[in-house]
Amino acid sequence: MSLPLLVGALLTAAAPHTPEASASRGPYLDQRTTGAAYCYDPESPVLSEAFRRPKPTPETRVDGAALAEDVRFLHQLLRTTYSGWPELLAHRTFDPDAFFTDWSAKVAASGPTVSFQDGVLAPTLAIREALTDNHFGPSGLLSLLREDPRLAFREYQADAPPGLKLESCDANTVTGAQGDTLRWAPVLKPDGSRGQRLTVSARGAGDARTLRCGDTSLPLQVRPPRPARQFAPKDIYTYEPKGDVGIITIRRFSGPPEAEAGLRRFVADAPKHRKHKLLVFDLRGNSGGDDGYVYEWLDAMVRGPWFSSGEVWMHGAFYPCFEWNSRVQRQAMDGRLDTPEAKAEREALRAKWPATPEPSRPVFDSGRVEGHAKTPFTGRIVVLVDRDSASSGESGAYALHQATGAPMVGERTGGFLTYGNAPSFVLPRTGFAWVVPTKRNYFAEPVEGVGHAVQVYLDAEDMARPVAELLPRLRKLP
């Protein structure tokens, strides 16, 4: 089942907050109005500024007393809302309650101000070293945290030597490796032929690793990174028919109103897509948003049941605010909280209040989905992904794969997926926005940090090629 997997964006706090600023109207509505805690107040200056300020740097000074109070607020919020909290509690050497108590005390004792590095980034890294969760942390800085060598996984690869057997290789001999990612995988060569590639994901810096396979030391090279793709909101969705092939490009699954209009057009175009024998989805560089658009599209293209991932939601203190907060945050990011259109969107959601308060508890969903297509799609689908396909960008690709058997082609995805549906919460005193996943997904293979494994690799130099140039090879896939 699918709901938005949101990555909070743009954060804030360029300068320390003063007591006067902290005393201003807080970011959340009175629970008596909504029936739930943590529902955003769209009239709060703290809220509107949180998503419009420049990102802090490691050297940014933060009010120590305000941050200490917000760490205590964050601690209580995580205990009822964070889908990773049970696993932190079960950690053998990391005590989350003691950690947050110590974090708040250290910040309070640090003096009038503390650097963003010492007060925020360093503690966040410590939490994420205890539990790999790419979604967790200060909003707008998740990509920065992801690239820290202590957290970042990269793929190290070599072409298959003749006669080498995988069972002779020991992943533990690769520095920083996650052993269960070691595998042979097919690679699609420029001439359309297939080769075999040995691949493993590992943490740490350096472009080279060595893998021991029996008496052989096999050198591995890292897959090189590429510059992030840039696009205008109006180009978030494009459809290019080429005879019996349809090329569907989706750059994100969220954005300002013109981007959302494009995503609705993607769903509405399903009858046009159905006419092709081959559909190529280009989700390279898609950093996420709401994968519900893919599920709506699949509902019109697939008939009968299929299974996504099993999942556990954290219901309770925040759950009724999810849709409201997602909409208010988007409006704040776009600077349109006060427009008539924004107010009308909110009024439609406000009509559902007050919600009945629920105790905080996990709720399981098997991931079973039922397609209702009157005329199911009978052609083939291929999905292009890369390391920058993240969050809903990778869950959307996975849904296409699960529902239709479409191979994912390219390279492992970003690995923002085990802990998902991650809204931002604004910390009341500092105004920082903090991304907190509220759902735990379960997959048959490791995903968080390392990303979804692809069925077929492309060489690194082919990853930026336009779909039209790759089509001769993609046509040959089963």
Protein backbone atom coordinates (compact mmCIF):
# COMPACT_ATOMS: atom_id res chain seq x y z
CA MET A 1 0.00 0.00 0.00
CA SER A 2 1.29 3.46 -0.68
CA LEU A 3 1.18 6.89 0.84
CA PRO A 4 3.63 9.71 0.26
CA LEU A 5 7.28 9.08 1.09
CA LEU A 6 8.22 12.62 1.77
CA VAL A 7 11.70 13.97 2.17
CA GLY A 8 11.54 17.32 3.91
CA ALA A 9 13.42 19.96 2.09
CA LEU A 10 14.90 23.31 2.71
CA LEU A 11 15.81 23.95 6.36
CA THR A 12 16.92 26.64 8.34
CA ALA A 13 18.49 28.57 10.96
CA ALA A 14 21.08 31.02 9.86
CA ALA A 15 21.49 32.78 13.20
CA PRO A 16 20.86 32.00 16.88
CA HIS A 17 17.29 32.47 18.01
CA THR A 18 16.60 35.14 20.60
CA PRO A 19 14.16 34.70 23.51
CA GLU A 20 11.78 37.08 21.71
CA ALA A 21 11.82 34.92 18.60
CA SER A 22 11.31 31.76 20.67
CA ALA A 23 8.26 33.28 22.34
CA SER A 24 6.47 33.84 19.01
CA ARG A 25 3.54 31.70 17.92
CA GLY A 26 4.66 28.05 17.83
CA PRO A 27 4.53 25.81 14.74
CA TYR A 28 1.71 23.51 15.90
CA LEU A 29 -2.05 23.90 16.33
CA ASP A 30 -3.77 23.24 19.63
CA GLN A 31 -4.50 19.53 19.91
CA ARG A 32 -8.03 20.34 21.03
CA THR A 33 -8.68 21.75 17.56
CA THR A 34 -7.25 18.86 15.57
CA GLY A 35 -7.57 15.85 17.83
CA ALA A 36 -3.88 15.08 17.31
CA ALA A 37 -0.49 16.43 18.26
CA TYR A 38 1.99 17.95 15.79
CA CYS A 39 -0.46 19.36 13.23
CA TYR A 40 1.17 22.41 11.62
CA ASP A 41 -0.20 25.90 12.25
CA PRO A 42 -0.07 27.63 8.83
CA GLU A 43 -0.24 31.06 10.53
CA SER A 44 2.89 30.46 12.59
CA PRO A 45 5.90 32.63 11.64
CA VAL A 46 8.19 29.90 13.01
CA LEU A 47 6.68 27.42 10.57
CA SER A 48 6.74 29.63 7.48
CA GLU A 49 10.33 30.71 8.12
CA ALA A 50 11.55 27.15 8.75
CA PHE A 51 11.17 26.18 5.11
CA ARG A 52 12.39 29.44 3.57
CA ARG A 53 15.65 30.22 5.37
CA PRO A 54 19.11 29.37 4.05
CA LYS A 55 20.58 26.08 5.17
CA PRO A 56 22.89 26.32 8.16
CA THR A 57 26.58 25.56 7.76
CA PRO A 58 28.62 23.51 10.26
CA GLU A 59 29.88 26.85 11.64
CA THR A 60 26.42 28.37 12.17
CA ARG A 61 25.93 29.35 15.81
CA VAL A 62 22.73 28.13 17.48
CA ASP A 63 21.18 29.31 20.76
CA GLY A 64 22.28 26.64 23.25
CA ALA A 65 19.30 26.86 25.62
CA ALA A 66 16.80 26.76 22.73
CA LEU A 67 18.53 23.77 21.12
CA ALA A 68 18.71 21.88 24.44
CA GLU A 69 14.95 22.32 24.83
CA ASP A 70 14.34 21.22 21.24
CA VAL A 71 16.44 18.08 21.74
CA ARG A 72 14.08 17.17 24.59
CA PHE A 73 11.10 17.91 22.32
CA LEU A 74 12.60 15.73 19.57
CA HIS A 75 13.21 12.91 22.05
CA GLN A 76 9.55 12.81 23.08
CA LEU A 77 8.36 13.06 19.48
CA LEU A 78 10.53 10.13 18.37
CA ARG A 79 9.25 7.89 21.16
CA THR A 80 5.70 8.01 19.75
CA THR A 81 6.31 8.70 16.06
CA TYR A 82 9.66 7.42 14.72
CA SER A 83 9.43 4.04 12.97
CA GLY A 84 13.06 3.31 13.82
CA TRP A 85 12.65 3.88 17.56
CA PRO A 86 11.91 0.21 18.44
CA GLU A 87 15.15 -0.86 16.72
CA LEU A 88 17.13 1.80 18.53
CA LEU A 89 15.68 0.53 21.81
CA ALA A 90 16.77 -3.00 20.90
CA HIS A 91 20.34 -1.93 20.03
CA ARG A 92 22.92 -3.82 22.06
CA THR A 93 25.26 -0.92 22.75
CA PHE A 94 23.26 2.25 21.98
CA ASP A 95 20.77 3.49 24.60
CA PRO A 96 18.62 6.11 22.82
CA ASP A 97 16.99 7.51 25.96
CA ALA A 98 20.36 8.00 27.66
CA PHE A 99 21.79 9.43 24.44
CA PHE A 100 19.13 12.15 24.14
CA THR A 101 19.40 13.04 27.81
CA ASP A 102 23.16 13.40 27.44
CA TRP A 103 22.81 15.32 24.15
CA SER A 104 20.48 17.90 25.70
CA ALA A 105 22.68 18.27 28.79
CA LYS A 106 25.85 18.79 26.75
CA VAL A 107 24.21 21.44 24.57
CA ALA A 108 22.83 23.26 27.62
CA ALA A 109 26.29 23.29 29.21
CA SER A 110 28.07 24.47 26.08
CA GLY A 111 27.46 28.18 26.70
CA PRO A 112 25.18 30.78 25.09
CA THR A 113 25.64 29.28 21.61
CA VAL A 114 26.88 26.05 20.07
CA SER A 115 28.02 25.34 16.54
CA PHE A 116 25.61 23.49 14.25
CA GLN A 117 28.34 20.87 13.78
CA ASP A 118 28.69 20.11 17.48
CA GLY A 119 25.08 20.65 18.49
CA VAL A 120 23.27 18.98 15.58
CA LEU A 121 25.37 17.20 12.94
CA ALA A 122 27.68 15.21 15.21
CA PRO A 123 24.85 13.78 17.39
CA THR A 124 22.83 12.96 14.25
CA LEU A 125 25.79 11.05 12.80
CA ALA A 126 26.06 9.07 16.03
CA ILE A 127 22.38 8.06 15.82
CA ARG A 128 22.70 7.10 12.18
CA GLU A 129 25.80 5.03 12.87
CA ALA A 130 23.70 3.08 15.37
CA LEU A 131 20.79 2.72 12.91
CA THR A 132 21.25 3.19 9.17
CA ASP A 133 18.41 5.54 8.18
CA ASN A 134 19.07 7.98 5.33
CA HIS A 135 15.78 9.80 5.94
CA PHE A 136 16.50 10.77 9.55
CA GLY A 137 18.03 14.14 10.34
CA PRO A 138 17.86 17.90 9.80
CA SER A 139 15.79 18.69 6.73
CA GLY A 140 17.70 19.90 3.70
CA LEU A 141 20.93 18.26 4.85
CA LEU A 142 20.14 14.57 4.31
CA SER A 143 22.25 14.36 1.16
CA LEU A 144 25.19 15.94 2.98
CA LEU A 145 24.90 13.38 5.77
CA ARG A 146 24.52 10.55 3.29
CA GLU A 147 27.88 11.39 1.71
CA ASP A 148 29.77 11.28 5.00
CA PRO A 149 32.31 8.42 4.64
CA ARG A 150 31.13 6.94 7.94
CA LEU A 151 27.63 6.51 6.49
CA ALA A 152 27.92 6.37 2.70
CA PHE A 153 27.80 3.09 0.79
CA ARG A 154 29.25 2.91 -2.71
CA GLU A 155 29.38 0.07 -5.20
CA TYR A 156 32.73 -1.60 -5.93
CA GLN A 157 32.88 -3.81 -9.00
CA ALA A 158 34.99 -5.93 -11.33
CA ASP A 159 34.24 -7.88 -14.50
CA ALA A 160 33.94 -11.60 -13.86
CA PRO A 161 37.27 -13.47 -14.23
CA PRO A 162 36.89 -16.78 -16.13
CA GLY A 163 36.14 -19.71 -13.84
CA LEU A 164 35.76 -17.69 -10.62
CA LYS A 165 33.08 -19.06 -8.30
CA LEU A 166 31.22 -16.62 -6.06
CA GLU A 167 31.18 -19.04 -3.14
CA SER A 168 34.98 -18.85 -3.02
CA CYS A 169 34.84 -15.09 -2.28
CA ASP A 170 34.75 -13.64 1.23
CA ALA A 171 32.96 -10.28 1.43
CA ASN A 172 34.47 -9.72 4.88
CA THR A 173 37.85 -9.17 3.21
CA VAL A 174 36.48 -5.99 1.58
CA THR A 175 36.98 -3.01 3.88
CA GLY A 176 33.63 -1.59 5.03
CA ALA A 177 31.57 -4.08 2.99
CA GLN A 178 28.00 -5.10 3.69
CA GLY A 179 28.43 -8.79 3.03
CA ASP A 180 24.93 -9.57 1.81
CA THR A 181 25.38 -7.24 -1.20
CA LEU A 182 28.11 -9.42 -2.78
CA ARG A 183 26.75 -10.99 -5.98
CA TRP A 184 27.17 -11.63 -9.66
CA ALA A 185 24.96 -9.44 -11.83
CA PRO A 186 24.48 -9.08 -15.59
CA VAL A 187 25.73 -5.92 -17.31
CA LEU A 188 24.37 -4.67 -20.64
CA LYS A 189 27.27 -3.80 -22.93
CA PRO A 190 27.20 -1.11 -25.66
CA ASP A 191 26.93 -3.75 -28.41
CA GLY A 192 23.85 -5.25 -26.73
CA SER A 193 25.70 -8.28 -25.39
CA ARG A 194 25.71 -9.22 -21.74
CA GLY A 195 28.62 -9.66 -19.38
CA GLN A 196 28.86 -10.67 -15.73
CA ARG A 197 29.97 -8.25 -13.05
CA LEU A 198 31.02 -8.92 -9.48
CA THR A 199 29.65 -6.20 -7.22
CA VAL A 200 29.62 -5.39 -3.51
CA SER A 201 28.63 -2.27 -1.54
CA ALA A 202 30.99 -0.86 1.06
CA ARG A 203 31.33 2.14 3.37
CA GLY A 204 34.31 4.44 3.56
CA ALA A 205 36.48 6.60 1.34
CA GLY A 206 38.74 5.40 -1.45
CA ASP A 207 38.19 4.36 -5.05
CA ALA A 208 39.61 0.85 -4.75
CA ARG A 209 38.98 -2.27 -2.67
CA THR A 210 40.36 -5.82 -2.72
CA LEU A 211 38.25 -8.98 -2.51
CA ARG A 212 39.77 -12.33 -1.56
CA CYS A 213 38.42 -15.28 -3.54
CA GLY A 214 40.30 -18.36 -2.40
CA ASP A 215 43.95 -17.77 -3.26
CA THR A 216 43.08 -14.86 -5.57
CA SER A 217 43.03 -11.17 -4.67
CA LEU A 218 40.56 -9.46 -6.97
CA PRO A 219 40.84 -5.65 -7.34
CA LEU A 220 37.51 -3.77 -7.30
CA GLN A 221 36.87 -0.23 -8.51
CA VAL A 222 34.19 2.14 -7.28
CA ARG A 223 31.39 3.22 -9.63
CA PRO A 224 32.08 6.92 -10.18
CA PRO A 225 29.47 9.54 -9.14
CA ARG A 226 27.83 11.92 -11.60
CA PRO A 227 26.56 15.49 -11.27
CA ALA A 228 22.96 15.81 -10.09
CA ARG A 229 20.39 16.33 -12.84
CA GLN A 230 18.72 19.72 -13.10
CA PHE A 231 15.19 20.32 -14.40
CA ALA A 232 12.36 22.85 -14.34
CA PRO A 233 9.11 22.02 -12.49
CA LYS A 234 7.21 22.07 -15.79
CA ASP A 235 9.43 19.21 -17.02
CA ILE A 236 8.79 16.95 -14.03
CA TYR A 237 6.91 14.55 -16.34
CA THR A 238 7.47 14.04 -20.04
CA TYR A 239 6.05 11.44 -22.41
CA GLU A 240 7.74 10.75 -25.72
CA PRO A 241 6.08 8.24 -28.08
CA LYS A 242 8.50 6.56 -30.50
CA GLY A 243 6.46 4.10 -32.55
CA ASP A 244 5.92 0.97 -30.46
CA VAL A 245 8.00 2.46 -27.61
CA GLY A 246 6.83 5.02 -25.07
CA ILE A 247 9.43 6.90 -23.02
CA ILE A 248 8.12 8.14 -19.67
CA THR A 249 10.44 10.43 -17.71
CA ILE A 250 9.59 11.49 -14.15
CA ARG A 251 12.17 13.72 -12.42
CA ARG A 252 10.44 13.93 -9.02
CA PHE A 253 7.20 12.83 -7.42
CA SER A 254 6.46 16.19 -5.79
CA GLY A 255 6.88 19.90 -6.35
CA PRO A 256 5.03 23.20 -6.76
CA PRO A 257 1.54 23.30 -8.35
CA GLU A 258 2.82 23.08 -11.94
CA ALA A 259 4.82 19.96 -11.03
CA GLU A 260 1.81 18.37 -9.34
CA ALA A 261 -0.22 19.11 -12.48
CA GLY A 262 2.39 17.23 -14.50
CA LEU A 263 2.19 14.22 -12.19
CA ARG A 264 -1.60 14.15 -12.47
CA ARG A 265 -1.15 14.25 -16.24
CA PHE A 266 1.12 11.20 -16.01
CA VAL A 267 -1.70 9.23 -14.39
CA ALA A 268 -4.27 10.54 -16.87
CA ASP A 269 -2.04 9.54 -19.80
CA ALA A 270 -2.25 5.83 -18.93
CA PRO A 271 -4.54 5.07 -21.93
CA LYS A 272 -1.90 6.56 -24.27
CA HIS A 273 0.86 4.55 -22.60
CA ARG A 274 -1.14 1.34 -22.95
CA LYS A 275 -0.87 1.45 -26.74
CA HIS A 276 2.89 0.75 -26.76
CA LYS A 277 4.63 -2.62 -26.82
CA LEU A 278 7.49 -1.32 -24.67
CA LEU A 279 7.44 1.39 -22.00
CA VAL A 280 10.71 2.78 -20.67
CA PHE A 281 10.42 4.62 -17.35
CA ASP A 282 13.34 6.96 -16.72
CA LEU A 283 13.51 7.54 -12.96
CA ARG A 284 17.20 8.42 -12.89
CA GLY A 285 17.80 11.30 -10.50
CA ASN A 286 14.26 11.11 -9.10
CA SER A 287 14.77 12.05 -5.45
CA GLY A 288 11.24 11.24 -4.28
CA GLY A 289 7.97 12.77 -3.15
CA ASP A 290 4.72 10.83 -3.41
CA ASP A 291 4.89 7.40 -5.05
CA GLY A 292 1.10 7.29 -4.90
CA TYR A 293 1.09 8.55 -8.49
CA VAL A 294 2.76 5.30 -9.60
CA TYR A 295 0.21 3.26 -7.65
CA GLU A 296 -2.65 5.17 -9.32
CA TRP A 297 -1.08 4.54 -12.73
CA LEU A 298 -0.64 0.84 -11.96
CA ASP A 299 -4.26 0.60 -10.85
CA ALA A 300 -5.26 1.59 -14.40
CA MET A 301 -2.72 -0.76 -16.05
CA VAL A 302 -2.74 -3.93 -13.91
CA ARG A 303 -5.59 -6.26 -13.03
CA GLY A 304 -5.48 -8.47 -9.96
CA PRO A 305 -3.31 -8.68 -6.86
CA TRP A 306 0.38 -7.96 -6.49
CA PHE A 307 2.59 -7.31 -3.49
CA SER A 308 4.70 -4.33 -2.60
CA SER A 309 6.69 -4.38 0.64
CA GLY A 310 5.22 -5.28 4.01
CA GLU A 311 5.13 -2.25 6.28
CA VAL A 312 4.51 -1.11 9.83
CA TRP A 313 3.06 2.34 10.46
CA MET A 314 3.40 4.26 13.70
CA HIS A 315 -0.15 5.33 14.47
CA GLY A 316 -0.97 7.68 17.30
CA ALA A 317 0.19 11.18 18.21
CA PHE A 318 1.03 12.32 14.69
CA TYR A 319 -0.76 10.01 12.26
CA PRO A 320 -3.92 12.14 11.62
CA CYS A 321 -1.70 15.14 10.76
CA PHE A 322 0.21 13.42 7.95
CA GLU A 323 -1.77 14.66 4.95
CA TRP A 324 -2.33 18.11 6.50
CA ASN A 325 1.32 18.65 7.33
CA SER A 326 2.45 17.46 3.90
CA ARG A 327 0.20 20.03 2.25
CA VAL A 328 1.11 22.89 4.63
CA GLN A 329 4.83 22.15 4.23
CA ARG A 330 4.57 22.21 0.45
CA GLN A 331 2.73 25.54 0.60
CA ALA A 332 5.36 26.98 2.96
CA MET A 333 8.20 25.83 0.70
CA ASP A 334 6.50 27.48 -2.29
CA GLY A 335 5.82 30.70 -0.33
CA ARG A 336 2.06 30.52 -0.94
CA LEU A 337 0.54 29.86 2.51
CA ASP A 338 -1.65 32.96 2.26
CA THR A 339 -3.01 32.45 -1.26
CA PRO A 340 -6.73 31.69 -1.73
CA GLU A 341 -5.84 28.42 -3.45
CA ALA A 342 -3.69 27.29 -0.51
CA LYS A 343 -6.39 28.18 1.99
CA ALA A 344 -8.99 26.23 -0.01
CA GLU A 345 -6.72 23.17 -0.04
CA ARG A 346 -6.40 23.36 3.72
CA GLU A 347 -10.11 23.88 4.33
CA ALA A 348 -10.87 20.62 2.51
CA LEU A 349 -8.56 18.81 4.94
CA ARG A 350 -9.66 20.77 7.98
CA ALA A 351 -13.25 19.55 7.44
CA LYS A 352 -12.12 16.11 8.70
CA TRP A 353 -11.21 17.45 12.15
CA PRO A 354 -11.21 16.79 15.01
CA ALA A 355 -9.76 13.32 14.58
CA THR A 356 -10.30 10.76 17.30
CA PRO A 357 -7.10 10.54 19.37
CA GLU A 358 -5.30 7.20 19.10
CA PRO A 359 -2.76 5.55 21.39
CA SER A 360 0.68 5.32 19.85
CA ARG A 361 1.06 1.83 18.40
CA PRO A 362 2.51 0.02 15.36
CA VAL A 363 0.03 -1.06 12.65
CA PHE A 364 1.01 -3.74 10.10
CA ASP A 365 0.10 -3.75 6.40
CA SER A 366 0.96 -6.79 4.25
CA GLY A 367 1.60 -4.68 1.14
CA ARG A 368 -1.06 -6.46 -0.93
CA VAL A 369 -2.34 -4.27 -3.76
CA GLU A 370 -5.27 -4.96 -6.08
CA GLY A 371 -5.16 -3.63 -9.64
CA HIS A 372 -8.47 -2.67 -11.30
CA ALA A 373 -7.50 -2.21 -14.95
CA LYS A 374 -10.37 -2.83 -17.35
CA THR A 375 -7.82 -3.31 -20.12
CA PRO A 376 -4.52 -4.47 -18.61
CA PHE A 377 -1.23 -3.48 -20.22
CA THR A 378 0.22 -6.49 -22.08
CA GLY A 379 3.54 -5.05 -23.23
CA ARG A 380 6.91 -4.90 -21.52
CA ILE A 381 8.28 -2.28 -19.12
CA VAL A 382 11.88 -1.33 -18.32
CA VAL A 383 12.77 1.04 -15.45
CA LEU A 384 16.00 3.08 -15.48
CA VAL A 385 17.38 3.99 -12.04
CA ASP A 386 20.61 5.30 -10.56
CA ARG A 387 22.18 6.19 -7.22
CA ASP A 388 20.17 9.44 -7.17
CA SER A 389 16.85 7.59 -7.47
CA ALA A 390 15.89 7.96 -3.83
CA SER A 391 12.93 7.56 -1.50
CA SER A 392 9.79 7.53 -3.70
CA GLY A 393 12.08 7.57 -6.72
CA GLU A 394 13.20 4.07 -5.77
CA SER A 395 9.93 2.85 -4.24
CA GLY A 396 8.12 3.86 -7.44
CA ALA A 397 10.63 1.82 -9.46
CA TYR A 398 10.21 -1.11 -7.08
CA ALA A 399 6.40 -0.95 -7.39
CA LEU A 400 6.68 -1.12 -11.20
CA HIS A 401 9.01 -4.10 -10.84
CA GLN A 402 6.76 -5.93 -8.37
CA ALA A 403 3.50 -5.25 -10.22
CA THR A 404 4.66 -5.96 -13.78
CA GLY A 405 7.97 -7.81 -13.57
CA ALA A 406 9.75 -4.80 -15.12
CA PRO A 407 13.53 -5.10 -14.72
CA MET A 408 15.29 -2.24 -12.98
CA VAL A 409 18.30 -1.26 -15.08
CA GLY A 410 21.28 0.97 -14.28
CA GLU A 411 22.82 0.80 -10.81
CA ARG A 412 21.73 0.45 -7.20
CA THR A 413 19.30 3.12 -6.01
CA GLY A 414 19.87 5.65 -3.23
CA GLY A 415 18.85 3.56 -0.22
CA PHE A 416 16.28 5.92 1.39
CA LEU A 417 13.59 3.30 1.79
CA THR A 418 13.54 0.97 4.81
CA TYR A 419 12.32 3.89 6.93
CA GLY A 420 9.86 5.94 4.92
CA ASN A 421 6.87 8.25 4.81
CA ALA A 422 9.16 10.82 6.33
CA PRO A 423 7.60 14.23 7.02
CA SER A 424 9.46 17.14 8.57
CA PHE A 425 8.69 18.35 12.10
CA VAL A 426 9.60 21.93 13.02
CA LEU A 427 11.40 22.18 16.35
CA PRO A 428 9.57 24.95 18.27
CA ARG A 429 12.50 26.89 19.76
CA THR A 430 15.18 26.87 17.06
CA GLY A 431 12.85 26.56 14.07
CA PHE A 432 14.88 23.69 12.60
CA ALA A 433 12.89 21.24 10.50
CA TRP A 434 13.67 17.60 11.28
CA VAL A 435 12.83 14.64 9.05
CA VAL A 436 11.32 11.71 10.97
CA PRO A 437 10.19 8.53 9.18
CA THR A 438 6.84 7.19 10.40
CA LYS A 439 6.78 3.86 8.53
CA ARG A 440 9.06 0.82 8.48
CA ASN A 441 9.20 -1.14 5.20
CA TYR A 442 10.28 -4.79 4.98
CA PHE A 443 12.09 -6.19 1.96
CA ALA A 444 13.55 -9.58 1.09
CA GLU A 445 16.97 -8.01 0.53
CA PRO A 446 18.96 -5.19 2.20
CA VAL A 447 17.90 -1.76 0.98
CA GLU A 448 18.65 1.05 3.47
CA GLY A 449 21.95 2.71 2.67
CA VAL A 450 22.80 0.29 -0.16
CA GLY A 451 19.65 0.80 -2.29
CA HIS A 452 17.58 -1.61 -4.36
CA ALA A 453 19.65 -4.02 -6.43
CA VAL A 454 19.10 -3.74 -10.18
CA GLN A 455 18.40 -6.75 -12.36
CA VAL A 456 20.77 -5.46 -15.07
CA TYR A 457 23.67 -3.00 -14.80
CA LEU A 458 24.77 -0.37 -17.28
CA ASP A 459 28.37 0.76 -17.41
CA ALA A 460 28.97 4.00 -15.49
CA GLU A 461 29.71 5.92 -18.69
CA ASP A 462 26.27 4.92 -20.04
CA MET A 463 24.29 6.12 -17.02
CA ALA A 464 23.86 9.68 -18.30
CA ARG A 465 22.94 8.71 -21.87
CA PRO A 466 19.48 9.70 -23.17
CA VAL A 467 16.94 6.89 -23.32
CA ALA A 468 16.86 7.11 -27.13
CA GLU A 469 20.55 6.12 -27.26
CA LEU A 470 19.96 3.17 -24.93
CA LEU A 471 16.85 1.88 -26.70
CA PRO A 472 18.62 -0.59 -29.05
CA ARG A 473 20.03 -2.34 -25.97
CA LEU A 474 16.90 -2.06 -23.84
CA ARG A 475 14.78 -3.64 -26.59
CA LYS A 476 16.82 -6.84 -26.21
CA LEU A 477 15.93 -7.30 -22.57
CA PRO A 478 13.44 -10.11 -21.88
